[in-house]
Amino acid sequence: MKSVGQTLRDEREKQFYSIEDIEKHTKIRKELLEALEADDYAKLPPATFIQGFIKNYARFLNMDSEKMLALFRRDFEAKKHPPRIMESFKSPLQNRGFRLTPSRILGLVVALVIFSFFGYLWFEYNQFVGAPNLVVVTPADQQSVDIPQVTVEGQTDPEIKVEVNNQDVGVDNLGHFREDIKLSASTNRIIITATSKFGKTATIERTVFVRR
């Protein structure tokens, strides 16, 4: 009469499954499955665990698990092999280190795309609800000049409209702007305004004095 290991192996081969297929679906390590099919109980953990292996293996192959367990009890009692715990059993299949598989790579790519999409939405939302960045490099506030002219220079976000005293100023594709402004009085108030496409504004004011 066939042993439980021979019966399981024959049924596996009949259904064209490899030992690796059984490992994948039952989460039982390959070396344990090979020992089970060889009826080598000395290489397997205690009987309680072996019965769990047999039950999972038989169920996967749509076999009568109770019949397989009965075969095992007969074989085990006949062989009287003292069981021992293998090192491989101490670190079961589920505890293997992280492995980069095609499905995981695909998952990472999808996650990156989703993250980028929501990052773009967050950026657009901030652009919508927040004022644009505006930095004025020159002139300094309370600056004094010898001639009735001053250079207004600064930085803002790309695609932002900049005005100096209500006059449009050109902005390059990096957000840099520069404009020479004529001064008409000893004390001059210069207002620099940046306006986003959503109508949000940022304003900086400078006072410049002309020496007489």
N, C-alpha and C. Protein backbone atom coordinates (compact mmCIF):
# COMPACT_ATOMS: atom_id res chain seq x y z
N MET A 1 0.85 -1.20 0.00
CA MET A 1 0.00 0.00 0.00
C MET A 1 0.89 1.25 0.00
N LYS A 2 0.48 2.23 -0.74
CA LYS A 2 1.26 3.47 -0.83
C LYS A 2 1.26 4.22 0.50
N SER A 3 2.37 4.92 0.73
CA SER A 3 2.45 5.78 1.91
C SER A 3 1.75 7.10 1.63
N VAL A 4 1.59 7.90 2.67
CA VAL A 4 0.94 9.20 2.49
C VAL A 4 1.79 10.09 1.59
N GLY A 5 3.11 10.02 1.75
CA GLY A 5 3.98 10.84 0.91
C GLY A 5 3.91 10.45 -0.55
N GLN A 6 3.93 9.14 -0.83
CA GLN A 6 3.83 8.66 -2.21
C GLN A 6 2.48 9.04 -2.83
N THR A 7 1.43 8.94 -2.02
CA THR A 7 0.08 9.27 -2.52
C THR A 7 -0.03 10.74 -2.89
N LEU A 8 0.51 11.59 -2.02
CA LEU A 8 0.48 13.03 -2.31
C LEU A 8 1.32 13.37 -3.54
N ARG A 9 2.51 12.76 -3.63
CA ARG A 9 3.37 13.04 -4.77
C ARG A 9 2.73 12.57 -6.08
N ASP A 10 2.15 11.38 -6.07
CA ASP A 10 1.52 10.85 -7.29
C ASP A 10 0.37 11.74 -7.75
N GLU A 11 -0.44 12.21 -6.77
CA GLU A 11 -1.57 13.06 -7.12
C GLU A 11 -1.08 14.41 -7.64
N ARG A 12 -0.02 14.94 -7.04
CA ARG A 12 0.56 16.20 -7.51
C ARG A 12 1.02 16.09 -8.95
N GLU A 13 1.76 15.03 -9.25
CA GLU A 13 2.25 14.83 -10.60
C GLU A 13 1.11 14.57 -11.58
N LYS A 14 0.08 13.91 -11.10
CA LYS A 14 -1.08 13.65 -11.95
C LYS A 14 -1.77 14.96 -12.36
N GLN A 15 -1.76 15.94 -11.45
CA GLN A 15 -2.39 17.23 -11.73
C GLN A 15 -1.40 18.25 -12.31
N PHE A 16 -0.18 17.75 -12.64
CA PHE A 16 0.84 18.56 -13.30
C PHE A 16 1.29 19.77 -12.46
N TYR A 17 1.37 19.59 -11.15
CA TYR A 17 1.91 20.62 -10.27
C TYR A 17 3.35 20.30 -9.94
N SER A 18 4.19 21.32 -9.88
CA SER A 18 5.57 21.14 -9.42
C SER A 18 5.60 21.31 -7.91
N ILE A 19 6.72 20.90 -7.32
CA ILE A 19 6.86 21.07 -5.88
C ILE A 19 6.87 22.54 -5.51
N GLU A 20 7.36 23.39 -6.45
CA GLU A 20 7.36 24.85 -6.22
C GLU A 20 5.93 25.40 -6.21
N ASP A 21 5.05 24.82 -7.05
CA ASP A 21 3.64 25.25 -7.05
C ASP A 21 3.00 24.99 -5.69
N ILE A 22 3.30 23.81 -5.14
CA ILE A 22 2.71 23.46 -3.83
C ILE A 22 3.25 24.40 -2.76
N GLU A 23 4.56 24.70 -2.83
CA GLU A 23 5.16 25.63 -1.88
C GLU A 23 4.46 26.98 -1.93
N LYS A 24 4.23 27.48 -3.13
CA LYS A 24 3.63 28.79 -3.32
C LYS A 24 2.21 28.85 -2.74
N HIS A 25 1.42 27.82 -2.98
CA HIS A 25 0.00 27.86 -2.58
C HIS A 25 -0.24 27.45 -1.14
N THR A 26 0.61 26.59 -0.58
CA THR A 26 0.39 26.12 0.79
C THR A 26 1.24 26.85 1.80
N LYS A 27 2.27 27.62 1.30
CA LYS A 27 3.21 28.32 2.18
C LYS A 27 4.04 27.35 3.02
N ILE A 28 4.21 26.10 2.55
CA ILE A 28 5.07 25.12 3.21
C ILE A 28 6.38 25.09 2.45
N ARG A 29 7.49 25.21 3.14
CA ARG A 29 8.78 25.28 2.47
C ARG A 29 9.07 24.03 1.66
N LYS A 30 9.80 24.25 0.56
CA LYS A 30 10.07 23.19 -0.41
C LYS A 30 10.73 21.98 0.24
N GLU A 31 11.75 22.20 1.10
CA GLU A 31 12.45 21.07 1.70
C GLU A 31 11.57 20.26 2.62
N LEU A 32 10.58 20.91 3.23
CA LEU A 32 9.62 20.18 4.07
C LEU A 32 8.69 19.34 3.22
N LEU A 33 8.26 19.90 2.08
CA LEU A 33 7.40 19.15 1.16
C LEU A 33 8.14 17.94 0.60
N GLU A 34 9.40 18.13 0.26
CA GLU A 34 10.19 17.01 -0.28
C GLU A 34 10.36 15.92 0.77
N ALA A 35 10.61 16.31 2.02
CA ALA A 35 10.73 15.32 3.09
C ALA A 35 9.40 14.60 3.32
N LEU A 36 8.29 15.34 3.21
CA LEU A 36 6.97 14.74 3.39
C LEU A 36 6.68 13.72 2.30
N GLU A 37 6.97 14.09 1.05
CA GLU A 37 6.73 13.16 -0.05
C GLU A 37 7.64 11.93 0.03
N ALA A 38 8.80 12.09 0.64
CA ALA A 38 9.73 10.96 0.79
C ALA A 38 9.47 10.19 2.08
N ASP A 39 8.46 10.61 2.84
CA ASP A 39 8.13 9.97 4.12
C ASP A 39 9.33 9.99 5.08
N ASP A 40 10.14 11.03 4.97
CA ASP A 40 11.32 11.17 5.80
C ASP A 40 10.96 12.03 7.00
N TYR A 41 10.31 11.41 7.99
CA TYR A 41 9.80 12.16 9.12
C TYR A 41 10.90 12.69 10.02
N ALA A 42 12.10 12.16 9.90
CA ALA A 42 13.22 12.65 10.71
C ALA A 42 13.59 14.07 10.33
N LYS A 43 13.27 14.49 9.12
CA LYS A 43 13.59 15.83 8.65
C LYS A 43 12.40 16.79 8.81
N LEU A 44 11.38 16.33 9.48
CA LEU A 44 10.17 17.14 9.65
C LEU A 44 9.97 17.51 11.11
N PRO A 45 9.19 18.55 11.39
CA PRO A 45 8.90 18.94 12.77
C PRO A 45 7.98 17.91 13.43
N PRO A 46 7.55 18.17 14.68
CA PRO A 46 6.70 17.20 15.38
C PRO A 46 5.42 16.84 14.62
N ALA A 47 4.83 15.72 15.03
CA ALA A 47 3.70 15.12 14.32
C ALA A 47 2.52 16.08 14.15
N THR A 48 2.29 16.93 15.14
CA THR A 48 1.16 17.87 15.04
C THR A 48 1.31 18.79 13.83
N PHE A 49 2.54 19.24 13.59
CA PHE A 49 2.80 20.11 12.45
C PHE A 49 2.72 19.33 11.13
N ILE A 50 3.22 18.10 11.16
CA ILE A 50 3.17 17.28 9.95
C ILE A 50 1.73 17.07 9.51
N GLN A 51 0.85 16.82 10.46
CA GLN A 51 -0.56 16.64 10.13
C GLN A 51 -1.16 17.89 9.51
N GLY A 52 -0.74 19.06 10.00
CA GLY A 52 -1.20 20.30 9.39
C GLY A 52 -0.72 20.44 7.96
N PHE A 53 0.55 20.04 7.70
CA PHE A 53 1.08 20.07 6.34
C PHE A 53 0.25 19.17 5.42
N ILE A 54 -0.01 17.95 5.92
CA ILE A 54 -0.74 16.97 5.10
C ILE A 54 -2.15 17.49 4.80
N LYS A 55 -2.78 18.06 5.80
CA LYS A 55 -4.16 18.55 5.61
C LYS A 55 -4.19 19.66 4.55
N ASN A 56 -3.26 20.62 4.64
CA ASN A 56 -3.21 21.71 3.66
C ASN A 56 -2.86 21.21 2.27
N TYR A 57 -1.92 20.29 2.21
CA TYR A 57 -1.49 19.72 0.93
C TYR A 57 -2.65 18.98 0.26
N ALA A 58 -3.32 18.14 1.05
CA ALA A 58 -4.43 17.34 0.50
C ALA A 58 -5.58 18.23 0.06
N ARG A 59 -5.90 19.23 0.83
CA ARG A 59 -7.00 20.12 0.47
C ARG A 59 -6.71 20.86 -0.83
N PHE A 60 -5.44 21.28 -1.00
CA PHE A 60 -5.10 21.97 -2.23
C PHE A 60 -5.29 21.07 -3.45
N LEU A 61 -5.01 19.77 -3.29
CA LEU A 61 -5.16 18.82 -4.40
C LEU A 61 -6.57 18.23 -4.48
N ASN A 62 -7.50 18.76 -3.62
CA ASN A 62 -8.88 18.26 -3.57
C ASN A 62 -8.94 16.77 -3.23
N MET A 63 -8.09 16.37 -2.28
CA MET A 63 -8.08 14.98 -1.83
C MET A 63 -8.78 14.89 -0.47
N ASP A 64 -9.06 13.68 -0.06
CA ASP A 64 -9.68 13.43 1.24
C ASP A 64 -8.61 13.59 2.32
N SER A 65 -8.64 14.71 3.03
CA SER A 65 -7.59 14.99 4.01
C SER A 65 -7.62 14.00 5.17
N GLU A 66 -8.82 13.55 5.57
CA GLU A 66 -8.92 12.59 6.67
C GLU A 66 -8.29 11.26 6.30
N LYS A 67 -8.45 10.84 5.06
CA LYS A 67 -7.82 9.60 4.59
C LYS A 67 -6.30 9.74 4.59
N MET A 68 -5.81 10.92 4.17
CA MET A 68 -4.38 11.14 4.17
C MET A 68 -3.81 11.15 5.59
N LEU A 69 -4.55 11.72 6.53
CA LEU A 69 -4.10 11.73 7.92
C LEU A 69 -4.07 10.33 8.50
N ALA A 70 -5.04 9.50 8.09
CA ALA A 70 -5.05 8.11 8.55
C ALA A 70 -3.82 7.35 8.03
N LEU A 71 -3.47 7.60 6.77
CA LEU A 71 -2.26 6.98 6.21
C LEU A 71 -1.02 7.44 6.97
N PHE A 72 -0.99 8.70 7.28
CA PHE A 72 0.16 9.23 8.01
C PHE A 72 0.30 8.57 9.38
N ARG A 73 -0.81 8.45 10.12
CA ARG A 73 -0.73 7.86 11.45
C ARG A 73 -0.23 6.42 11.37
N ARG A 74 -0.67 5.72 10.34
CA ARG A 74 -0.20 4.33 10.16
C ARG A 74 1.30 4.30 9.88
N ASP A 75 1.74 5.18 8.93
CA ASP A 75 3.15 5.19 8.55
C ASP A 75 4.04 5.67 9.70
N PHE A 76 3.56 6.70 10.40
CA PHE A 76 4.37 7.28 11.46
C PHE A 76 4.58 6.28 12.60
N GLU A 77 3.52 5.59 12.96
CA GLU A 77 3.63 4.60 14.03
C GLU A 77 4.53 3.45 13.61
N ALA A 78 4.50 3.14 12.32
CA ALA A 78 5.31 2.02 11.83
C ALA A 78 6.80 2.37 11.82
N LYS A 79 7.13 3.57 11.46
CA LYS A 79 8.54 3.95 11.32
C LYS A 79 9.17 4.36 12.66
N LYS A 80 8.37 4.97 13.52
CA LYS A 80 8.86 5.37 14.85
C LYS A 80 10.11 6.25 14.76
N HIS A 81 10.07 7.21 13.85
CA HIS A 81 11.21 8.11 13.73
C HIS A 81 11.07 9.23 14.75
N PRO A 82 12.08 9.49 15.52
CA PRO A 82 12.01 10.64 16.44
C PRO A 82 12.07 11.95 15.67
N PRO A 83 11.07 12.79 15.79
CA PRO A 83 11.06 14.05 15.03
C PRO A 83 12.03 15.07 15.62
N ARG A 84 12.51 15.99 14.78
CA ARG A 84 13.34 17.09 15.24
C ARG A 84 12.94 18.35 14.47
N ILE A 85 13.17 19.49 15.08
CA ILE A 85 12.78 20.75 14.46
C ILE A 85 13.92 21.24 13.58
N MET A 86 13.62 21.48 12.33
CA MET A 86 14.61 21.97 11.39
C MET A 86 14.77 23.48 11.52
N GLU A 87 15.96 23.97 11.14
CA GLU A 87 16.19 25.41 11.11
C GLU A 87 15.26 26.10 10.13
N SER A 88 14.95 25.40 9.04
CA SER A 88 14.07 26.00 8.03
C SER A 88 12.66 26.19 8.56
N PHE A 89 12.25 25.32 9.50
CA PHE A 89 10.92 25.48 10.07
C PHE A 89 10.86 26.68 11.00
N LYS A 90 12.02 27.02 11.61
CA LYS A 90 12.04 28.17 12.51
C LYS A 90 11.86 29.47 11.76
N SER A 91 12.19 29.48 10.47
CA SER A 91 11.99 30.68 9.65
C SER A 91 11.13 30.31 8.46
N PRO A 92 9.79 30.24 8.64
CA PRO A 92 8.89 29.77 7.59
C PRO A 92 8.92 30.66 6.37
N LEU A 93 8.24 30.20 5.33
CA LEU A 93 8.24 30.86 4.03
C LEU A 93 7.80 32.31 4.11
N GLN A 94 6.83 32.61 5.00
CA GLN A 94 6.29 33.96 5.07
C GLN A 94 7.33 34.96 5.57
N ASN A 95 8.42 34.47 6.25
CA ASN A 95 9.38 35.38 6.84
C ASN A 95 10.58 35.65 5.95
N ARG A 96 10.53 35.24 4.71
CA ARG A 96 11.63 35.51 3.80
C ARG A 96 11.81 37.01 3.61
N GLY A 97 13.05 37.40 3.30
CA GLY A 97 13.34 38.82 3.09
C GLY A 97 12.60 39.37 1.88
N PHE A 98 12.60 40.69 1.82
CA PHE A 98 11.91 41.37 0.72
C PHE A 98 12.58 41.03 -0.61
N ARG A 99 11.76 40.65 -1.59
CA ARG A 99 12.26 40.37 -2.93
C ARG A 99 11.54 41.25 -3.93
N LEU A 100 12.31 41.83 -4.84
CA LEU A 100 11.73 42.72 -5.85
C LEU A 100 11.19 41.87 -6.99
N THR A 101 9.87 41.82 -7.12
CA THR A 101 9.21 41.04 -8.16
C THR A 101 8.54 41.98 -9.16
N PRO A 102 8.20 41.49 -10.35
CA PRO A 102 7.51 42.35 -11.33
C PRO A 102 6.25 42.99 -10.78
N SER A 103 5.49 42.24 -9.99
CA SER A 103 4.25 42.81 -9.44
C SER A 103 4.55 43.94 -8.46
N ARG A 104 5.63 43.77 -7.67
CA ARG A 104 6.00 44.84 -6.74
C ARG A 104 6.53 46.06 -7.47
N ILE A 105 7.30 45.84 -8.54
CA ILE A 105 7.79 46.96 -9.35
C ILE A 105 6.61 47.73 -9.93
N LEU A 106 5.62 46.98 -10.46
CA LEU A 106 4.44 47.63 -11.01
C LEU A 106 3.71 48.44 -9.93
N GLY A 107 3.62 47.86 -8.74
CA GLY A 107 2.96 48.57 -7.64
C GLY A 107 3.68 49.85 -7.27
N LEU A 108 5.03 49.81 -7.28
CA LEU A 108 5.81 51.00 -6.97
C LEU A 108 5.62 52.08 -8.03
N VAL A 109 5.57 51.65 -9.31
CA VAL A 109 5.37 52.61 -10.40
C VAL A 109 4.00 53.27 -10.28
N VAL A 110 2.97 52.45 -10.02
CA VAL A 110 1.61 52.98 -9.86
C VAL A 110 1.55 53.95 -8.69
N ALA A 111 2.20 53.58 -7.57
CA ALA A 111 2.21 54.46 -6.40
C ALA A 111 2.91 55.78 -6.70
N LEU A 112 4.00 55.70 -7.48
CA LEU A 112 4.72 56.92 -7.84
C LEU A 112 3.87 57.84 -8.72
N VAL A 113 3.15 57.23 -9.67
CA VAL A 113 2.27 58.02 -10.55
C VAL A 113 1.18 58.70 -9.73
N ILE A 114 0.58 57.93 -8.82
CA ILE A 114 -0.49 58.50 -7.98
C ILE A 114 0.05 59.62 -7.10
N PHE A 115 1.24 59.38 -6.52
CA PHE A 115 1.86 60.41 -5.66
C PHE A 115 2.15 61.68 -6.45
N SER A 116 2.67 61.51 -7.68
CA SER A 116 2.98 62.67 -8.52
C SER A 116 1.70 63.43 -8.89
N PHE A 117 0.64 62.67 -9.19
CA PHE A 117 -0.63 63.30 -9.56
C PHE A 117 -1.18 64.15 -8.42
N PHE A 118 -1.18 63.57 -7.21
CA PHE A 118 -1.72 64.33 -6.08
C PHE A 118 -0.78 65.46 -5.67
N GLY A 119 0.53 65.27 -5.92
CA GLY A 119 1.47 66.36 -5.67
C GLY A 119 1.19 67.55 -6.58
N TYR A 120 0.89 67.23 -7.86
CA TYR A 120 0.55 68.30 -8.81
C TYR A 120 -0.75 68.99 -8.39
N LEU A 121 -1.74 68.22 -7.98
CA LEU A 121 -3.00 68.82 -7.52
C LEU A 121 -2.77 69.72 -6.31
N TRP A 122 -1.89 69.27 -5.39
CA TRP A 122 -1.60 70.08 -4.21
C TRP A 122 -0.92 71.39 -4.60
N PHE A 123 0.01 71.29 -5.57
CA PHE A 123 0.69 72.49 -6.04
C PHE A 123 -0.30 73.47 -6.66
N GLU A 124 -1.20 72.95 -7.51
CA GLU A 124 -2.20 73.81 -8.14
C GLU A 124 -3.14 74.41 -7.11
N TYR A 125 -3.48 73.61 -6.09
CA TYR A 125 -4.37 74.11 -5.05
C TYR A 125 -3.71 75.27 -4.30
N ASN A 126 -2.42 75.09 -3.98
CA ASN A 126 -1.69 76.17 -3.29
C ASN A 126 -1.60 77.41 -4.16
N GLN A 127 -1.42 77.19 -5.46
CA GLN A 127 -1.40 78.33 -6.37
C GLN A 127 -2.74 79.04 -6.38
N PHE A 128 -3.80 78.28 -6.25
CA PHE A 128 -5.15 78.85 -6.31
C PHE A 128 -5.48 79.63 -5.03
N VAL A 129 -5.15 79.06 -3.88
CA VAL A 129 -5.57 79.68 -2.62
C VAL A 129 -4.52 80.62 -2.04
N GLY A 130 -3.27 80.50 -2.49
CA GLY A 130 -2.21 81.30 -1.88
C GLY A 130 -1.69 82.39 -2.81
N ALA A 131 -1.11 83.42 -2.21
CA ALA A 131 -0.51 84.51 -2.98
C ALA A 131 0.80 84.01 -3.61
N PRO A 132 1.17 84.55 -4.75
CA PRO A 132 2.43 84.15 -5.39
C PRO A 132 3.63 84.63 -4.59
N ASN A 133 4.76 83.97 -4.81
CA ASN A 133 6.00 84.42 -4.19
C ASN A 133 6.42 85.75 -4.83
N LEU A 134 6.99 86.61 -4.03
CA LEU A 134 7.48 87.89 -4.55
C LEU A 134 8.68 88.33 -3.71
N VAL A 135 9.82 88.50 -4.39
CA VAL A 135 11.04 88.98 -3.74
C VAL A 135 11.54 90.19 -4.52
N VAL A 136 11.79 91.30 -3.83
CA VAL A 136 12.33 92.51 -4.46
C VAL A 136 13.79 92.65 -4.01
N VAL A 137 14.70 92.56 -4.98
CA VAL A 137 16.13 92.66 -4.68
C VAL A 137 16.56 94.11 -4.55
N THR A 138 16.13 94.91 -5.52
CA THR A 138 16.40 96.35 -5.49
C THR A 138 15.13 97.08 -5.94
N PRO A 139 14.88 98.26 -5.45
CA PRO A 139 15.71 99.00 -4.49
C PRO A 139 15.43 98.54 -3.06
N ALA A 140 16.35 98.89 -2.15
CA ALA A 140 16.10 98.65 -0.74
C ALA A 140 15.14 99.71 -0.21
N ASP A 141 14.42 99.38 0.83
CA ASP A 141 13.50 100.37 1.40
C ASP A 141 14.31 101.50 2.06
N GLN A 142 13.83 102.72 1.88
CA GLN A 142 14.48 103.93 2.42
C GLN A 142 15.83 104.19 1.73
N GLN A 143 15.97 103.71 0.50
CA GLN A 143 17.22 103.92 -0.23
C GLN A 143 17.27 105.34 -0.78
N SER A 144 18.46 105.91 -0.82
CA SER A 144 18.67 107.24 -1.40
C SER A 144 19.50 107.11 -2.67
N VAL A 145 19.13 107.88 -3.72
CA VAL A 145 19.84 107.84 -4.99
C VAL A 145 20.21 109.27 -5.40
N ASP A 146 21.21 109.37 -6.29
CA ASP A 146 21.67 110.70 -6.72
C ASP A 146 20.98 111.18 -7.98
N ILE A 147 20.39 110.24 -8.74
CA ILE A 147 19.69 110.61 -9.97
C ILE A 147 18.24 110.20 -9.86
N PRO A 148 17.33 110.85 -10.59
CA PRO A 148 15.90 110.55 -10.48
C PRO A 148 15.51 109.28 -11.24
N GLN A 149 16.18 108.20 -10.94
CA GLN A 149 15.88 106.91 -11.59
C GLN A 149 16.37 105.78 -10.68
N VAL A 150 15.63 104.70 -10.66
CA VAL A 150 16.02 103.54 -9.85
C VAL A 150 15.64 102.26 -10.60
N THR A 151 16.42 101.22 -10.38
CA THR A 151 16.12 99.92 -11.00
C THR A 151 15.34 99.05 -10.02
N VAL A 152 14.19 98.59 -10.49
CA VAL A 152 13.39 97.66 -9.70
C VAL A 152 13.65 96.25 -10.23
N GLU A 153 14.18 95.40 -9.39
CA GLU A 153 14.55 94.04 -9.82
C GLU A 153 14.11 93.04 -8.75
N GLY A 154 13.63 91.88 -9.20
CA GLY A 154 13.19 90.88 -8.23
C GLY A 154 12.87 89.54 -8.86
N GLN A 155 12.22 88.69 -8.09
CA GLN A 155 11.92 87.33 -8.50
C GLN A 155 10.51 86.97 -8.03
N THR A 156 9.80 86.24 -8.90
CA THR A 156 8.47 85.73 -8.55
C THR A 156 8.29 84.37 -9.20
N ASP A 157 7.10 83.83 -9.17
CA ASP A 157 6.83 82.55 -9.83
C ASP A 157 6.64 82.76 -11.32
N PRO A 158 6.95 81.75 -12.14
CA PRO A 158 6.69 81.87 -13.58
C PRO A 158 5.19 82.09 -13.84
N GLU A 159 4.90 82.74 -14.95
CA GLU A 159 3.52 83.00 -15.39
C GLU A 159 2.77 83.92 -14.42
N ILE A 160 3.51 84.77 -13.73
CA ILE A 160 2.89 85.73 -12.81
C ILE A 160 2.96 87.12 -13.43
N LYS A 161 1.89 87.87 -13.28
CA LYS A 161 1.85 89.25 -13.78
C LYS A 161 2.43 90.17 -12.72
N VAL A 162 3.42 91.02 -13.14
CA VAL A 162 4.06 91.94 -12.20
C VAL A 162 3.80 93.38 -12.65
N GLU A 163 3.44 94.22 -11.70
CA GLU A 163 3.23 95.64 -11.96
C GLU A 163 4.06 96.46 -10.98
N VAL A 164 4.61 97.55 -11.48
CA VAL A 164 5.31 98.52 -10.63
C VAL A 164 4.60 99.85 -10.79
N ASN A 165 3.98 100.30 -9.71
CA ASN A 165 3.17 101.52 -9.74
C ASN A 165 2.14 101.47 -10.87
N ASN A 166 1.46 100.30 -10.93
CA ASN A 166 0.37 100.05 -11.89
C ASN A 166 0.83 99.95 -13.34
N GLN A 167 2.12 99.82 -13.57
CA GLN A 167 2.64 99.65 -14.92
C GLN A 167 3.17 98.21 -15.08
N ASP A 168 2.76 97.54 -16.16
CA ASP A 168 3.20 96.17 -16.38
C ASP A 168 4.71 96.09 -16.56
N VAL A 169 5.29 95.04 -15.98
CA VAL A 169 6.74 94.79 -16.08
C VAL A 169 6.93 93.38 -16.65
N GLY A 170 7.86 93.23 -17.57
CA GLY A 170 8.10 91.93 -18.17
C GLY A 170 8.71 90.93 -17.19
N VAL A 171 8.26 89.67 -17.27
CA VAL A 171 8.75 88.58 -16.41
C VAL A 171 9.24 87.46 -17.32
N ASP A 172 10.47 86.97 -17.11
CA ASP A 172 10.96 85.89 -17.98
C ASP A 172 10.43 84.54 -17.51
N ASN A 173 10.82 83.45 -18.21
CA ASN A 173 10.25 82.13 -17.90
C ASN A 173 10.75 81.55 -16.59
N LEU A 174 11.70 82.23 -15.94
CA LEU A 174 12.16 81.80 -14.62
C LEU A 174 11.57 82.66 -13.51
N GLY A 175 10.75 83.64 -13.89
CA GLY A 175 10.12 84.50 -12.89
C GLY A 175 10.91 85.74 -12.53
N HIS A 176 12.00 86.00 -13.27
CA HIS A 176 12.83 87.17 -12.97
C HIS A 176 12.28 88.41 -13.68
N PHE A 177 12.32 89.54 -13.01
CA PHE A 177 11.89 90.79 -13.63
C PHE A 177 12.87 91.91 -13.29
N ARG A 178 12.96 92.91 -14.18
CA ARG A 178 13.86 94.06 -14.00
C ARG A 178 13.31 95.22 -14.81
N GLU A 179 13.22 96.39 -14.19
CA GLU A 179 12.67 97.56 -14.87
C GLU A 179 13.26 98.84 -14.25
N ASP A 180 13.63 99.78 -15.12
CA ASP A 180 14.11 101.09 -14.66
C ASP A 180 12.92 102.02 -14.50
N ILE A 181 12.82 102.64 -13.34
CA ILE A 181 11.70 103.52 -13.02
C ILE A 181 12.21 104.95 -12.80
N LYS A 182 11.56 105.90 -13.45
CA LYS A 182 11.91 107.31 -13.27
C LYS A 182 11.25 107.84 -12.00
N LEU A 183 11.98 108.68 -11.29
CA LEU A 183 11.50 109.27 -10.05
C LEU A 183 11.20 110.74 -10.28
N SER A 184 10.11 111.22 -9.70
CA SER A 184 9.67 112.59 -9.99
C SER A 184 9.67 113.50 -8.77
N ALA A 185 10.00 112.97 -7.62
CA ALA A 185 9.97 113.79 -6.40
C ALA A 185 11.12 113.38 -5.50
N SER A 186 11.31 114.16 -4.45
CA SER A 186 12.38 113.83 -3.51
C SER A 186 12.06 112.56 -2.72
N THR A 187 10.81 112.32 -2.50
CA THR A 187 10.37 111.09 -1.82
C THR A 187 9.45 110.34 -2.76
N ASN A 188 9.79 109.11 -3.07
CA ASN A 188 9.03 108.33 -4.05
C ASN A 188 8.57 107.00 -3.45
N ARG A 189 7.30 106.75 -3.65
CA ARG A 189 6.71 105.50 -3.15
C ARG A 189 6.58 104.54 -4.34
N ILE A 190 7.23 103.39 -4.23
CA ILE A 190 7.21 102.40 -5.31
C ILE A 190 6.47 101.15 -4.81
N ILE A 191 5.42 100.77 -5.53
CA ILE A 191 4.62 99.61 -5.14
C ILE A 191 4.77 98.53 -6.20
N ILE A 192 5.27 97.38 -5.78
CA ILE A 192 5.45 96.24 -6.68
C ILE A 192 4.39 95.19 -6.34
N THR A 193 3.63 94.79 -7.36
CA THR A 193 2.53 93.85 -7.15
C THR A 193 2.68 92.65 -8.09
N ALA A 194 2.54 91.45 -7.52
CA ALA A 194 2.54 90.21 -8.31
C ALA A 194 1.15 89.60 -8.22
N THR A 195 0.57 89.23 -9.40
CA THR A 195 -0.80 88.71 -9.43
C THR A 195 -0.79 87.36 -10.15
N SER A 196 -1.35 86.33 -9.50
CA SER A 196 -1.41 85.00 -10.10
C SER A 196 -2.58 84.93 -11.06
N LYS A 197 -2.63 83.84 -11.85
CA LYS A 197 -3.72 83.66 -12.80
C LYS A 197 -5.05 83.40 -12.10
N PHE A 198 -4.99 83.13 -10.78
CA PHE A 198 -6.21 82.92 -10.01
C PHE A 198 -6.64 84.19 -9.29
N GLY A 199 -5.92 85.29 -9.54
CA GLY A 199 -6.31 86.57 -8.95
C GLY A 199 -5.74 86.84 -7.58
N LYS A 200 -4.84 85.98 -7.09
CA LYS A 200 -4.22 86.19 -5.79
C LYS A 200 -3.01 87.12 -5.96
N THR A 201 -2.83 88.04 -5.03
CA THR A 201 -1.77 89.04 -5.19
C THR A 201 -0.82 89.06 -3.99
N ALA A 202 0.41 89.51 -4.29
CA ALA A 202 1.41 89.78 -3.26
C ALA A 202 1.97 91.17 -3.55
N THR A 203 2.13 91.98 -2.54
CA THR A 203 2.56 93.38 -2.74
C THR A 203 3.72 93.72 -1.81
N ILE A 204 4.70 94.41 -2.38
CA ILE A 204 5.83 94.93 -1.59
C ILE A 204 5.98 96.42 -1.91
N GLU A 205 6.17 97.20 -0.89
CA GLU A 205 6.30 98.65 -1.07
C GLU A 205 7.71 99.10 -0.68
N ARG A 206 8.26 99.99 -1.49
CA ARG A 206 9.57 100.56 -1.21
C ARG A 206 9.47 102.09 -1.27
N THR A 207 10.23 102.76 -0.39
CA THR A 207 10.34 104.22 -0.43
C THR A 207 11.76 104.59 -0.83
N VAL A 208 11.87 105.44 -1.87
CA VAL A 208 13.18 105.84 -2.38
C VAL A 208 13.28 107.36 -2.35
N PHE A 209 14.42 107.87 -1.87
CA PHE A 209 14.65 109.31 -1.77
C PHE A 209 15.66 109.74 -2.84
N VAL A 210 15.40 110.90 -3.44
CA VAL A 210 16.33 111.49 -4.41
C VAL A 210 17.06 112.64 -3.74
N ARG A 211 18.40 112.53 -3.70
CA ARG A 211 19.19 113.61 -3.08
C ARG A 211 19.13 114.86 -3.96
N ARG A 212 19.00 115.99 -3.37
CA ARG A 212 18.94 117.26 -4.11
C ARG A 212 20.22 118.06 -3.86
